Amino acid sequence: MEPYLLLTEEGEGYYEEKRSRFLASACAVKTEEEAVRILAARRKAHPEARHHCYAFVCGPRNELTRFSDDGEPSGTGGRPILDALAGSGLHNALVVVTRYFGGTLLGTGGLSRAYAAAAEDALAHAGYGMLYSGALWEIGIGYGDYARLDRLLLKEDIPRESETFLDRVSVRVCLLPEQEKPFAASLADLTAGTAGLEKIRDLTFLRSGGKIIISEP
């Protein structure tokens, strides 16, 4: 599985043009059914809004793509939102933009710019993480080697799942397939062959900043 970008935190956006207000929300979705439920809740939360344009993509290759102008002129709502999603590189994401009409027509160009701007603002305020396919490994070392291991993990940008300090130090890390052999060699050199390295299981893991979120394959 190739790594791909996901939302880890929802984002809210806003744009105003000639008293028309565009309220945007970006959130993670895994299925079309989930997107439909979120859209229904959005309509219920904003019953006086005239339009709820949206776009969403699902799947590692965005196999499922949907968008809607929700009564706006064709191509002025859903398509600009979808273009904003495509530009972000996200997968499994929904952006919905709710419009409160301000009394003045914006024209097709104005509408397209407004929906795009609101969507981009929501995406700019969201949290992101990269999903990887790899494995969880456990390292066992003596206390005297811990500082050197710490520097190695930071240098190689290898994320830690947990650390336990008992008779020896146990560190669980997430490795990509291409990292496994080079890391094992570096660890052996670092500890003169005294370190233990055991594969726990295959998994997928999401990296967001300095944090990791682990899931099963």
N, C-alpha and C. Protein backbone atom coordinates (compact mmCIF):
# COMPACT_ATOMS: atom_id res chain seq x y z
N MET A 1 0.83 -1.20 0.00
CA MET A 1 0.00 0.00 0.00
C MET A 1 0.87 1.25 0.00
N GLU A 2 0.62 2.12 -0.94
CA GLU A 2 1.34 3.40 -0.97
C GLU A 2 0.83 4.29 0.16
N PRO A 3 1.70 5.07 0.81
CA PRO A 3 1.23 6.00 1.84
C PRO A 3 0.23 7.00 1.27
N TYR A 4 -0.76 7.38 2.07
CA TYR A 4 -1.66 8.43 1.61
C TYR A 4 -2.14 9.31 2.77
N LEU A 5 -2.58 10.51 2.40
CA LEU A 5 -2.87 11.56 3.37
C LEU A 5 -4.32 11.48 3.83
N LEU A 6 -4.52 11.60 5.16
CA LEU A 6 -5.85 11.56 5.76
C LEU A 6 -6.03 12.74 6.71
N LEU A 7 -7.29 13.07 6.97
CA LEU A 7 -7.60 14.06 7.98
C LEU A 7 -7.56 13.41 9.36
N THR A 8 -6.95 14.08 10.31
CA THR A 8 -6.95 13.62 11.70
C THR A 8 -7.80 14.52 12.58
N GLU A 9 -8.05 15.74 12.15
CA GLU A 9 -8.90 16.68 12.90
C GLU A 9 -9.76 17.45 11.92
N GLU A 10 -11.01 17.70 12.29
CA GLU A 10 -11.91 18.46 11.44
C GLU A 10 -11.44 19.90 11.29
N GLY A 11 -11.80 20.50 10.18
CA GLY A 11 -11.47 21.91 9.95
C GLY A 11 -12.72 22.70 9.60
N GLU A 12 -12.78 23.93 10.05
CA GLU A 12 -13.91 24.81 9.75
C GLU A 12 -13.40 26.01 8.94
N GLY A 13 -14.20 26.43 7.96
CA GLY A 13 -13.81 27.56 7.13
C GLY A 13 -14.97 28.53 6.92
N TYR A 14 -14.63 29.75 6.49
CA TYR A 14 -15.66 30.78 6.31
C TYR A 14 -15.24 31.71 5.18
N TYR A 15 -16.25 32.12 4.42
CA TYR A 15 -16.01 33.12 3.37
C TYR A 15 -17.30 33.93 3.22
N GLU A 16 -17.14 35.23 2.97
CA GLU A 16 -18.32 36.09 2.80
C GLU A 16 -18.14 36.94 1.55
N GLU A 17 -19.20 37.05 0.76
CA GLU A 17 -19.19 37.83 -0.47
C GLU A 17 -20.56 38.44 -0.67
N LYS A 18 -20.61 39.78 -0.68
CA LYS A 18 -21.87 40.52 -0.90
C LYS A 18 -22.98 40.00 0.02
N ARG A 19 -22.61 39.83 1.28
CA ARG A 19 -23.52 39.42 2.35
C ARG A 19 -23.95 37.96 2.28
N SER A 20 -23.55 37.24 1.26
CA SER A 20 -23.73 35.78 1.27
C SER A 20 -22.62 35.17 2.11
N ARG A 21 -23.01 34.29 3.02
CA ARG A 21 -22.06 33.65 3.92
C ARG A 21 -21.89 32.17 3.54
N PHE A 22 -20.64 31.76 3.49
CA PHE A 22 -20.31 30.38 3.11
C PHE A 22 -19.58 29.73 4.29
N LEU A 23 -20.23 28.77 4.92
CA LEU A 23 -19.69 28.08 6.09
C LEU A 23 -19.23 26.69 5.65
N ALA A 24 -17.97 26.40 5.83
CA ALA A 24 -17.41 25.14 5.33
C ALA A 24 -16.94 24.24 6.47
N SER A 25 -17.03 22.95 6.22
CA SER A 25 -16.54 21.97 7.19
C SER A 25 -15.83 20.85 6.44
N ALA A 26 -14.66 20.47 6.90
CA ALA A 26 -13.90 19.36 6.33
C ALA A 26 -13.75 18.28 7.39
N CYS A 27 -14.08 17.04 7.04
CA CYS A 27 -13.98 15.96 8.00
C CYS A 27 -13.64 14.65 7.30
N ALA A 28 -13.20 13.68 8.08
CA ALA A 28 -12.83 12.38 7.54
C ALA A 28 -14.07 11.51 7.37
N VAL A 29 -14.14 10.78 6.26
CA VAL A 29 -15.20 9.79 6.03
C VAL A 29 -14.57 8.57 5.37
N LYS A 30 -15.11 7.40 5.67
CA LYS A 30 -14.59 6.17 5.08
C LYS A 30 -15.52 5.58 4.03
N THR A 31 -16.82 5.94 4.09
CA THR A 31 -17.80 5.37 3.18
C THR A 31 -18.78 6.43 2.70
N GLU A 32 -19.49 6.13 1.63
CA GLU A 32 -20.52 7.04 1.15
C GLU A 32 -21.66 7.16 2.17
N GLU A 33 -21.98 6.06 2.85
CA GLU A 33 -23.04 6.10 3.85
C GLU A 33 -22.70 7.07 4.98
N GLU A 34 -21.46 7.07 5.38
CA GLU A 34 -21.03 8.00 6.43
C GLU A 34 -21.14 9.44 5.95
N ALA A 35 -20.75 9.70 4.71
CA ALA A 35 -20.86 11.05 4.16
C ALA A 35 -22.32 11.49 4.10
N VAL A 36 -23.21 10.60 3.71
CA VAL A 36 -24.64 10.93 3.63
C VAL A 36 -25.19 11.29 5.00
N ARG A 37 -24.78 10.55 6.03
CA ARG A 37 -25.24 10.86 7.39
C ARG A 37 -24.76 12.24 7.85
N ILE A 38 -23.51 12.55 7.54
CA ILE A 38 -22.98 13.86 7.93
C ILE A 38 -23.71 14.98 7.19
N LEU A 39 -23.99 14.78 5.92
CA LEU A 39 -24.72 15.79 5.15
C LEU A 39 -26.12 16.00 5.70
N ALA A 40 -26.80 14.92 6.08
CA ALA A 40 -28.14 15.04 6.66
C ALA A 40 -28.10 15.82 7.96
N ALA A 41 -27.08 15.57 8.78
CA ALA A 41 -26.94 16.31 10.04
C ALA A 41 -26.66 17.78 9.77
N ARG A 42 -25.89 18.05 8.72
CA ARG A 42 -25.58 19.44 8.36
C ARG A 42 -26.84 20.19 7.95
N ARG A 43 -27.68 19.55 7.13
CA ARG A 43 -28.93 20.19 6.71
C ARG A 43 -29.84 20.45 7.92
N LYS A 44 -29.85 19.51 8.84
CA LYS A 44 -30.68 19.68 10.03
C LYS A 44 -30.17 20.82 10.91
N ALA A 45 -28.85 20.97 10.96
CA ALA A 45 -28.25 22.02 11.81
C ALA A 45 -28.41 23.41 11.20
N HIS A 46 -28.60 23.48 9.87
CA HIS A 46 -28.73 24.77 9.18
C HIS A 46 -29.99 24.76 8.30
N PRO A 47 -31.17 24.70 8.92
CA PRO A 47 -32.40 24.55 8.13
C PRO A 47 -32.73 25.77 7.27
N GLU A 48 -32.20 26.94 7.61
CA GLU A 48 -32.53 28.15 6.86
C GLU A 48 -31.54 28.43 5.74
N ALA A 49 -30.49 27.65 5.65
CA ALA A 49 -29.51 27.85 4.58
C ALA A 49 -30.10 27.40 3.25
N ARG A 50 -29.73 28.09 2.20
CA ARG A 50 -30.31 27.81 0.89
C ARG A 50 -29.64 26.64 0.18
N HIS A 51 -28.32 26.46 0.38
CA HIS A 51 -27.59 25.41 -0.33
C HIS A 51 -26.56 24.75 0.59
N HIS A 52 -26.35 23.46 0.35
CA HIS A 52 -25.31 22.70 1.03
C HIS A 52 -24.52 21.95 -0.05
N CYS A 53 -23.60 22.61 -0.67
CA CYS A 53 -22.79 21.99 -1.72
C CYS A 53 -21.68 21.16 -1.06
N TYR A 54 -21.28 20.09 -1.74
CA TYR A 54 -20.29 19.22 -1.11
C TYR A 54 -19.51 18.44 -2.16
N ALA A 55 -18.44 17.84 -1.66
CA ALA A 55 -17.66 16.87 -2.43
C ALA A 55 -16.98 15.94 -1.44
N PHE A 56 -16.85 14.67 -1.82
CA PHE A 56 -16.09 13.75 -0.98
C PHE A 56 -15.40 12.72 -1.83
N VAL A 57 -14.31 12.18 -1.27
CA VAL A 57 -13.51 11.14 -1.92
C VAL A 57 -13.25 10.04 -0.91
N CYS A 58 -13.28 8.80 -1.38
CA CYS A 58 -13.02 7.66 -0.50
C CYS A 58 -12.14 6.65 -1.23
N GLY A 59 -11.26 6.01 -0.47
CA GLY A 59 -10.41 4.96 -1.02
C GLY A 59 -8.97 5.40 -1.21
N PRO A 60 -8.04 4.43 -1.20
CA PRO A 60 -6.61 4.75 -1.37
C PRO A 60 -6.31 5.48 -2.66
N ARG A 61 -7.10 5.25 -3.69
CA ARG A 61 -6.91 5.94 -4.97
C ARG A 61 -8.11 6.83 -5.30
N ASN A 62 -8.86 7.19 -4.27
CA ASN A 62 -10.09 7.97 -4.45
C ASN A 62 -11.02 7.31 -5.47
N GLU A 63 -11.18 5.99 -5.30
CA GLU A 63 -12.02 5.22 -6.21
C GLU A 63 -13.46 5.73 -6.22
N LEU A 64 -13.93 6.21 -5.08
CA LEU A 64 -15.28 6.76 -4.98
C LEU A 64 -15.21 8.27 -4.87
N THR A 65 -15.79 8.97 -5.83
CA THR A 65 -15.80 10.43 -5.84
C THR A 65 -17.22 10.91 -6.11
N ARG A 66 -17.70 11.81 -5.25
CA ARG A 66 -19.04 12.37 -5.42
C ARG A 66 -18.97 13.87 -5.16
N PHE A 67 -19.82 14.62 -5.86
CA PHE A 67 -19.96 16.05 -5.56
C PHE A 67 -21.33 16.52 -6.01
N SER A 68 -21.78 17.64 -5.43
CA SER A 68 -23.12 18.15 -5.74
C SER A 68 -23.14 19.67 -5.64
N ASP A 69 -23.85 20.30 -6.59
CA ASP A 69 -24.09 21.75 -6.56
C ASP A 69 -25.30 22.11 -5.71
N ASP A 70 -26.10 21.13 -5.34
CA ASP A 70 -27.27 21.31 -4.46
C ASP A 70 -28.11 22.53 -4.86
N GLY A 71 -28.45 22.62 -6.13
CA GLY A 71 -29.33 23.68 -6.59
C GLY A 71 -28.64 24.93 -7.11
N GLU A 72 -27.34 25.05 -6.89
CA GLU A 72 -26.60 26.16 -7.47
C GLU A 72 -26.41 25.90 -8.97
N PRO A 73 -26.10 26.92 -9.76
CA PRO A 73 -25.83 26.69 -11.19
C PRO A 73 -24.76 25.61 -11.39
N SER A 74 -24.95 24.80 -12.40
CA SER A 74 -24.07 23.65 -12.63
C SER A 74 -22.59 24.03 -12.66
N GLY A 75 -21.81 23.32 -11.86
CA GLY A 75 -20.37 23.51 -11.85
C GLY A 75 -19.87 24.61 -10.94
N THR A 76 -20.76 25.28 -10.19
CA THR A 76 -20.33 26.42 -9.38
C THR A 76 -20.11 26.08 -7.91
N GLY A 77 -20.59 24.91 -7.46
CA GLY A 77 -20.46 24.56 -6.05
C GLY A 77 -19.62 23.32 -5.82
N GLY A 78 -20.17 22.17 -6.24
CA GLY A 78 -19.50 20.90 -5.98
C GLY A 78 -18.15 20.77 -6.65
N ARG A 79 -18.05 21.20 -7.90
CA ARG A 79 -16.78 21.07 -8.62
C ARG A 79 -15.66 21.89 -7.99
N PRO A 80 -15.87 23.16 -7.64
CA PRO A 80 -14.79 23.91 -6.98
C PRO A 80 -14.37 23.27 -5.65
N ILE A 81 -15.34 22.70 -4.92
CA ILE A 81 -15.00 22.03 -3.66
C ILE A 81 -14.17 20.79 -3.94
N LEU A 82 -14.57 20.02 -4.95
CA LEU A 82 -13.81 18.84 -5.32
C LEU A 82 -12.39 19.20 -5.76
N ASP A 83 -12.27 20.30 -6.48
CA ASP A 83 -10.94 20.74 -6.91
C ASP A 83 -10.07 21.11 -5.71
N ALA A 84 -10.69 21.71 -4.69
CA ALA A 84 -9.94 22.04 -3.47
C ALA A 84 -9.48 20.76 -2.77
N LEU A 85 -10.35 19.74 -2.73
CA LEU A 85 -9.97 18.46 -2.15
C LEU A 85 -8.82 17.82 -2.92
N ALA A 86 -8.93 17.84 -4.25
CA ALA A 86 -7.89 17.26 -5.08
C ALA A 86 -6.55 17.96 -4.86
N GLY A 87 -6.60 19.27 -4.73
CA GLY A 87 -5.38 20.04 -4.50
C GLY A 87 -4.73 19.75 -3.16
N SER A 88 -5.54 19.31 -2.18
CA SER A 88 -4.99 19.00 -0.85
C SER A 88 -4.28 17.66 -0.82
N GLY A 89 -4.59 16.78 -1.78
CA GLY A 89 -4.00 15.44 -1.78
C GLY A 89 -4.65 14.48 -0.81
N LEU A 90 -5.80 14.85 -0.25
CA LEU A 90 -6.45 14.02 0.76
C LEU A 90 -7.19 12.83 0.17
N HIS A 91 -7.37 11.82 1.02
CA HIS A 91 -8.22 10.68 0.74
C HIS A 91 -9.20 10.54 1.90
N ASN A 92 -10.31 9.86 1.66
CA ASN A 92 -11.31 9.62 2.70
C ASN A 92 -11.72 10.92 3.40
N ALA A 93 -12.17 11.88 2.63
CA ALA A 93 -12.49 13.19 3.19
C ALA A 93 -13.75 13.77 2.54
N LEU A 94 -14.48 14.53 3.33
CA LEU A 94 -15.69 15.23 2.90
C LEU A 94 -15.54 16.71 3.23
N VAL A 95 -15.90 17.56 2.27
CA VAL A 95 -16.01 19.00 2.53
C VAL A 95 -17.41 19.42 2.11
N VAL A 96 -18.13 20.03 3.03
CA VAL A 96 -19.45 20.57 2.73
C VAL A 96 -19.43 22.07 3.01
N VAL A 97 -20.01 22.84 2.08
CA VAL A 97 -20.07 24.30 2.23
C VAL A 97 -21.53 24.72 2.22
N THR A 98 -21.94 25.31 3.31
CA THR A 98 -23.32 25.77 3.50
C THR A 98 -23.41 27.25 3.17
N ARG A 99 -24.36 27.61 2.32
CA ARG A 99 -24.50 29.00 1.91
C ARG A 99 -25.77 29.62 2.46
N TYR A 100 -25.60 30.78 3.10
CA TYR A 100 -26.72 31.63 3.48
C TYR A 100 -26.76 32.79 2.48
N PHE A 101 -27.82 32.87 1.71
CA PHE A 101 -27.92 33.86 0.63
C PHE A 101 -28.03 35.27 1.21
N GLY A 102 -27.24 36.18 0.62
CA GLY A 102 -27.21 37.54 1.13
C GLY A 102 -28.08 38.52 0.37
N GLY A 103 -28.83 38.05 -0.64
CA GLY A 103 -29.74 38.93 -1.37
C GLY A 103 -29.21 39.44 -2.69
N THR A 104 -27.94 39.21 -2.96
CA THR A 104 -27.33 39.69 -4.21
C THR A 104 -26.74 38.50 -4.97
N LEU A 105 -27.09 38.38 -6.25
CA LEU A 105 -26.55 37.29 -7.07
C LEU A 105 -25.05 37.50 -7.29
N LEU A 106 -24.31 36.43 -7.22
CA LEU A 106 -22.85 36.52 -7.36
C LEU A 106 -22.36 36.16 -8.76
N GLY A 107 -23.22 35.56 -9.57
CA GLY A 107 -22.78 35.11 -10.88
C GLY A 107 -22.02 33.81 -10.76
N THR A 108 -21.87 33.12 -11.88
CA THR A 108 -21.22 31.81 -11.82
C THR A 108 -19.75 31.89 -11.38
N GLY A 109 -19.04 32.90 -11.87
CA GLY A 109 -17.64 33.05 -11.47
C GLY A 109 -17.50 33.37 -9.99
N GLY A 110 -18.36 34.25 -9.50
CA GLY A 110 -18.31 34.62 -8.09
C GLY A 110 -18.65 33.47 -7.18
N LEU A 111 -19.65 32.66 -7.60
CA LEU A 111 -20.01 31.49 -6.80
C LEU A 111 -18.86 30.48 -6.74
N SER A 112 -18.28 30.22 -7.88
CA SER A 112 -17.18 29.25 -7.92
C SER A 112 -16.03 29.68 -7.02
N ARG A 113 -15.68 30.96 -7.08
CA ARG A 113 -14.59 31.46 -6.24
C ARG A 113 -14.95 31.38 -4.77
N ALA A 114 -16.20 31.68 -4.44
CA ALA A 114 -16.63 31.67 -3.04
C ALA A 114 -16.61 30.25 -2.46
N TYR A 115 -17.15 29.30 -3.20
CA TYR A 115 -17.16 27.92 -2.70
C TYR A 115 -15.74 27.36 -2.58
N ALA A 116 -14.90 27.69 -3.54
CA ALA A 116 -13.51 27.24 -3.48
C ALA A 116 -12.80 27.85 -2.28
N ALA A 117 -13.00 29.15 -2.05
CA ALA A 117 -12.32 29.83 -0.95
C ALA A 117 -12.76 29.28 0.40
N ALA A 118 -14.06 29.01 0.56
CA ALA A 118 -14.55 28.46 1.83
C ALA A 118 -14.00 27.07 2.06
N ALA A 119 -13.99 26.24 1.01
CA ALA A 119 -13.45 24.88 1.14
C ALA A 119 -11.98 24.91 1.49
N GLU A 120 -11.22 25.75 0.82
CA GLU A 120 -9.79 25.84 1.09
C GLU A 120 -9.51 26.33 2.50
N ASP A 121 -10.36 27.22 3.01
CA ASP A 121 -10.19 27.72 4.37
C ASP A 121 -10.43 26.59 5.39
N ALA A 122 -11.45 25.77 5.15
CA ALA A 122 -11.70 24.64 6.04
C ALA A 122 -10.54 23.66 6.03
N LEU A 123 -10.03 23.37 4.84
CA LEU A 123 -8.91 22.44 4.73
C LEU A 123 -7.64 22.98 5.39
N ALA A 124 -7.48 24.30 5.32
CA ALA A 124 -6.30 24.93 5.93
C ALA A 124 -6.34 24.84 7.46
N HIS A 125 -7.54 24.70 8.03
CA HIS A 125 -7.67 24.64 9.48
C HIS A 125 -7.86 23.22 10.00
N ALA A 126 -7.69 22.23 9.14
CA ALA A 126 -7.84 20.83 9.54
C ALA A 126 -6.50 20.25 9.96
N GLY A 127 -6.54 19.09 10.61
CA GLY A 127 -5.34 18.36 10.98
C GLY A 127 -5.09 17.21 10.01
N TYR A 128 -3.83 16.91 9.73
CA TYR A 128 -3.46 15.93 8.72
C TYR A 128 -2.52 14.87 9.27
N GLY A 129 -2.58 13.69 8.66
CA GLY A 129 -1.64 12.62 8.99
C GLY A 129 -1.44 11.73 7.78
N MET A 130 -0.30 11.03 7.74
CA MET A 130 0.01 10.14 6.63
C MET A 130 -0.16 8.69 7.08
N LEU A 131 -0.91 7.91 6.30
CA LEU A 131 -1.14 6.51 6.62
C LEU A 131 -0.12 5.63 5.90
N TYR A 132 0.53 4.76 6.66
CA TYR A 132 1.56 3.88 6.12
C TYR A 132 1.21 2.41 6.39
N SER A 133 1.76 1.53 5.58
CA SER A 133 1.66 0.09 5.82
C SER A 133 3.04 -0.42 6.22
N GLY A 134 3.13 -1.02 7.39
CA GLY A 134 4.42 -1.48 7.87
C GLY A 134 4.26 -2.57 8.91
N ALA A 135 5.11 -2.53 9.93
CA ALA A 135 5.07 -3.54 10.99
C ALA A 135 5.53 -2.93 12.30
N LEU A 136 5.05 -3.53 13.39
CA LEU A 136 5.46 -3.13 14.74
C LEU A 136 6.58 -4.06 15.19
N TRP A 137 7.69 -3.46 15.62
CA TRP A 137 8.86 -4.22 16.08
C TRP A 137 9.18 -3.83 17.53
N GLU A 138 9.72 -4.78 18.27
CA GLU A 138 10.13 -4.51 19.65
C GLU A 138 11.65 -4.63 19.76
N ILE A 139 12.27 -3.59 20.31
CA ILE A 139 13.71 -3.55 20.53
C ILE A 139 13.97 -3.76 22.02
N GLY A 140 14.90 -4.63 22.35
CA GLY A 140 15.33 -4.82 23.73
C GLY A 140 16.79 -4.47 23.87
N ILE A 141 17.11 -3.50 24.73
CA ILE A 141 18.50 -3.05 24.89
C ILE A 141 18.80 -2.79 26.37
N GLY A 142 20.09 -2.69 26.66
CA GLY A 142 20.50 -2.30 28.00
C GLY A 142 20.41 -0.78 28.17
N TYR A 143 20.40 -0.36 29.42
CA TYR A 143 20.27 1.07 29.70
C TYR A 143 21.43 1.88 29.11
N GLY A 144 22.60 1.28 29.06
CA GLY A 144 23.76 2.00 28.54
C GLY A 144 23.66 2.32 27.06
N ASP A 145 22.80 1.60 26.33
CA ASP A 145 22.65 1.83 24.90
C ASP A 145 21.46 2.72 24.55
N TYR A 146 20.69 3.09 25.58
CA TYR A 146 19.44 3.79 25.28
C TYR A 146 19.66 5.15 24.62
N ALA A 147 20.60 5.92 25.08
CA ALA A 147 20.84 7.25 24.52
C ALA A 147 21.22 7.16 23.04
N ARG A 148 22.06 6.16 22.70
CA ARG A 148 22.45 5.99 21.30
C ARG A 148 21.26 5.54 20.44
N LEU A 149 20.42 4.68 21.00
CA LEU A 149 19.22 4.26 20.27
C LEU A 149 18.29 5.45 20.06
N ASP A 150 18.16 6.27 21.07
CA ASP A 150 17.31 7.46 20.97
C ASP A 150 17.77 8.35 19.82
N ARG A 151 19.07 8.57 19.72
CA ARG A 151 19.60 9.40 18.64
C ARG A 151 19.38 8.74 17.27
N LEU A 152 19.52 7.41 17.21
CA LEU A 152 19.32 6.71 15.94
C LEU A 152 17.87 6.83 15.47
N LEU A 153 16.93 6.66 16.38
CA LEU A 153 15.52 6.76 16.01
C LEU A 153 15.16 8.16 15.54
N LEU A 154 15.72 9.16 16.20
CA LEU A 154 15.46 10.54 15.78
C LEU A 154 16.10 10.81 14.41
N LYS A 155 17.31 10.33 14.22
CA LYS A 155 18.01 10.55 12.95
C LYS A 155 17.26 9.91 11.78
N GLU A 156 16.77 8.67 11.99
CA GLU A 156 16.08 7.94 10.92
C GLU A 156 14.59 8.25 10.85
N ASP A 157 14.13 9.12 11.75
CA ASP A 157 12.71 9.52 11.79
C ASP A 157 11.80 8.30 11.91
N ILE A 158 12.13 7.42 12.85
CA ILE A 158 11.35 6.21 13.09
C ILE A 158 10.43 6.45 14.30
N PRO A 159 9.12 6.29 14.12
CA PRO A 159 8.19 6.58 15.21
C PRO A 159 8.14 5.49 16.27
N ARG A 160 7.98 5.90 17.53
CA ARG A 160 7.89 4.96 18.64
C ARG A 160 6.44 4.78 19.06
N GLU A 161 6.10 3.54 19.30
CA GLU A 161 4.75 3.25 19.79
C GLU A 161 4.71 3.28 21.32
N SER A 162 5.78 2.76 21.95
CA SER A 162 5.83 2.75 23.42
C SER A 162 7.27 2.50 23.88
N GLU A 163 7.51 2.82 25.15
CA GLU A 163 8.80 2.54 25.79
C GLU A 163 8.53 1.99 27.19
N THR A 164 9.26 0.94 27.58
CA THR A 164 9.13 0.34 28.91
C THR A 164 10.51 0.19 29.52
N PHE A 165 10.63 0.61 30.78
CA PHE A 165 11.92 0.59 31.46
C PHE A 165 11.84 -0.36 32.65
N LEU A 166 12.36 -1.58 32.48
CA LEU A 166 12.40 -2.55 33.56
C LEU A 166 13.86 -2.99 33.74
N ASP A 167 14.13 -4.31 33.72
CA ASP A 167 15.53 -4.75 33.80
C ASP A 167 16.30 -4.29 32.56
N ARG A 168 15.63 -4.28 31.43
CA ARG A 168 16.15 -3.73 30.19
C ARG A 168 15.15 -2.74 29.63
N VAL A 169 15.57 -2.01 28.65
CA VAL A 169 14.68 -1.06 28.00
C VAL A 169 14.02 -1.75 26.81
N SER A 170 12.69 -1.64 26.75
CA SER A 170 11.93 -2.19 25.63
C SER A 170 11.27 -1.04 24.87
N VAL A 171 11.61 -0.93 23.60
CA VAL A 171 11.07 0.14 22.76
C VAL A 171 10.35 -0.48 21.57
N ARG A 172 9.10 -0.13 21.38
CA ARG A 172 8.35 -0.60 20.21
C ARG A 172 8.31 0.50 19.16
N VAL A 173 8.65 0.13 17.93
CA VAL A 173 8.75 1.10 16.84
C VAL A 173 7.97 0.59 15.63
N CYS A 174 7.59 1.52 14.77
CA CYS A 174 6.93 1.18 13.51
C CYS A 174 7.92 1.35 12.37
N LEU A 175 8.10 0.29 11.61
CA LEU A 175 9.05 0.31 10.50
C LEU A 175 8.33 0.02 9.19
N LEU A 176 8.74 0.72 8.14
CA LEU A 176 8.30 0.40 6.80
C LEU A 176 9.11 -0.80 6.29
N PRO A 177 8.59 -1.56 5.34
CA PRO A 177 9.32 -2.74 4.86
C PRO A 177 10.75 -2.43 4.42
N GLU A 178 10.94 -1.30 3.73
CA GLU A 178 12.27 -0.97 3.24
C GLU A 178 13.22 -0.51 4.35
N GLN A 179 12.70 -0.25 5.55
CA GLN A 179 13.54 0.18 6.66
C GLN A 179 14.06 -0.99 7.48
N GLU A 180 13.45 -2.16 7.34
CA GLU A 180 13.70 -3.24 8.30
C GLU A 180 15.16 -3.71 8.29
N LYS A 181 15.70 -4.09 7.14
CA LYS A 181 17.08 -4.59 7.08
C LYS A 181 18.11 -3.53 7.45
N PRO A 182 18.01 -2.29 6.88
CA PRO A 182 18.98 -1.26 7.27
C PRO A 182 18.93 -0.94 8.76
N PHE A 183 17.72 -0.91 9.33
CA PHE A 183 17.63 -0.59 10.75
C PHE A 183 18.22 -1.71 11.60
N ALA A 184 17.95 -2.96 11.24
CA ALA A 184 18.51 -4.09 11.99
C ALA A 184 20.04 -4.04 11.98
N ALA A 185 20.61 -3.69 10.82
CA ALA A 185 22.07 -3.59 10.73
C ALA A 185 22.60 -2.45 11.58
N SER A 186 21.94 -1.32 11.53
CA SER A 186 22.38 -0.17 12.33
C SER A 186 22.27 -0.46 13.82
N LEU A 187 21.21 -1.14 14.22
CA LEU A 187 21.02 -1.48 15.63
C LEU A 187 22.09 -2.44 16.11
N ALA A 188 22.44 -3.41 15.27
CA ALA A 188 23.49 -4.36 15.63
C ALA A 188 24.83 -3.65 15.80
N ASP A 189 25.15 -2.74 14.89
CA ASP A 189 26.40 -1.97 14.99
C ASP A 189 26.40 -1.11 16.24
N LEU A 190 25.26 -0.53 16.53
CA LEU A 190 25.13 0.42 17.64
C LEU A 190 25.36 -0.26 18.98
N THR A 191 24.92 -1.50 19.09
CA THR A 191 24.94 -2.20 20.39
C THR A 191 25.90 -3.39 20.40
N ALA A 192 26.76 -3.47 19.40
CA ALA A 192 27.71 -4.59 19.29
C ALA A 192 26.99 -5.94 19.30
N GLY A 193 25.81 -5.96 18.67
CA GLY A 193 25.07 -7.20 18.54
C GLY A 193 24.32 -7.65 19.77
N THR A 194 24.24 -6.81 20.81
CA THR A 194 23.59 -7.23 22.06
C THR A 194 22.10 -6.90 22.09
N ALA A 195 21.62 -6.11 21.16
CA ALA A 195 20.21 -5.72 21.16
C ALA A 195 19.33 -6.83 20.62
N GLY A 196 18.13 -6.93 21.16
CA GLY A 196 17.13 -7.84 20.63
C GLY A 196 16.19 -7.07 19.70
N LEU A 197 15.76 -7.72 18.62
CA LEU A 197 14.83 -7.09 17.68
C LEU A 197 13.83 -8.14 17.22
N GLU A 198 12.57 -7.95 17.56
CA GLU A 198 11.53 -8.94 17.27
C GLU A 198 10.34 -8.27 16.59
N LYS A 199 9.88 -8.88 15.50
CA LYS A 199 8.69 -8.39 14.82
C LYS A 199 7.45 -8.85 15.58
N ILE A 200 6.56 -7.88 15.89
CA ILE A 200 5.35 -8.19 16.64
C ILE A 200 4.20 -8.54 15.69
N ARG A 201 3.92 -7.64 14.73
CA ARG A 201 2.84 -7.90 13.77
C ARG A 201 2.87 -6.85 12.66
N ASP A 202 2.27 -7.21 11.54
CA ASP A 202 2.04 -6.24 10.48
C ASP A 202 0.90 -5.32 10.88
N LEU A 203 0.93 -4.10 10.37
CA LEU A 203 -0.11 -3.14 10.73
C LEU A 203 -0.10 -1.96 9.77
N THR A 204 -1.09 -1.11 9.91
CA THR A 204 -1.05 0.21 9.30
C THR A 204 -0.95 1.22 10.44
N PHE A 205 -0.24 2.31 10.18
CA PHE A 205 -0.11 3.33 11.22
C PHE A 205 -0.18 4.72 10.61
N LEU A 206 -0.80 5.60 11.35
CA LEU A 206 -1.00 6.97 10.91
C LEU A 206 -0.05 7.87 11.68
N ARG A 207 0.75 8.64 10.96
CA ARG A 207 1.66 9.59 11.58
C ARG A 207 1.09 11.00 11.45
N SER A 208 0.95 11.66 12.57
CA SER A 208 0.46 13.03 12.59
C SER A 208 1.36 13.83 13.52
N GLY A 209 2.23 14.66 12.93
CA GLY A 209 3.21 15.36 13.76
C GLY A 209 4.14 14.33 14.39
N GLY A 210 4.31 14.43 15.70
CA GLY A 210 5.16 13.48 16.39
C GLY A 210 4.40 12.29 16.95
N LYS A 211 3.12 12.17 16.65
CA LYS A 211 2.30 11.09 17.20
C LYS A 211 2.03 10.02 16.14
N ILE A 212 1.78 8.79 16.62
CA ILE A 212 1.35 7.73 15.72
C ILE A 212 0.07 7.11 16.26
N ILE A 213 -0.78 6.70 15.34
CA ILE A 213 -2.01 6.00 15.67
C ILE A 213 -1.94 4.66 14.96
N ILE A 214 -2.04 3.57 15.71
CA ILE A 214 -1.86 2.24 15.13
C ILE A 214 -3.20 1.57 14.91
N SER A 215 -3.34 0.89 13.76
CA SER A 215 -4.52 0.07 13.48
C SER A 215 -4.05 -1.27 12.96
N GLU A 216 -4.95 -2.22 12.88
CA GLU A 216 -4.61 -3.55 12.34
C GLU A 216 -4.57 -3.46 10.82
N PRO A 217 -3.98 -4.48 10.15
CA PRO A 217 -3.92 -4.47 8.69
C PRO A 217 -5.30 -4.35 8.07
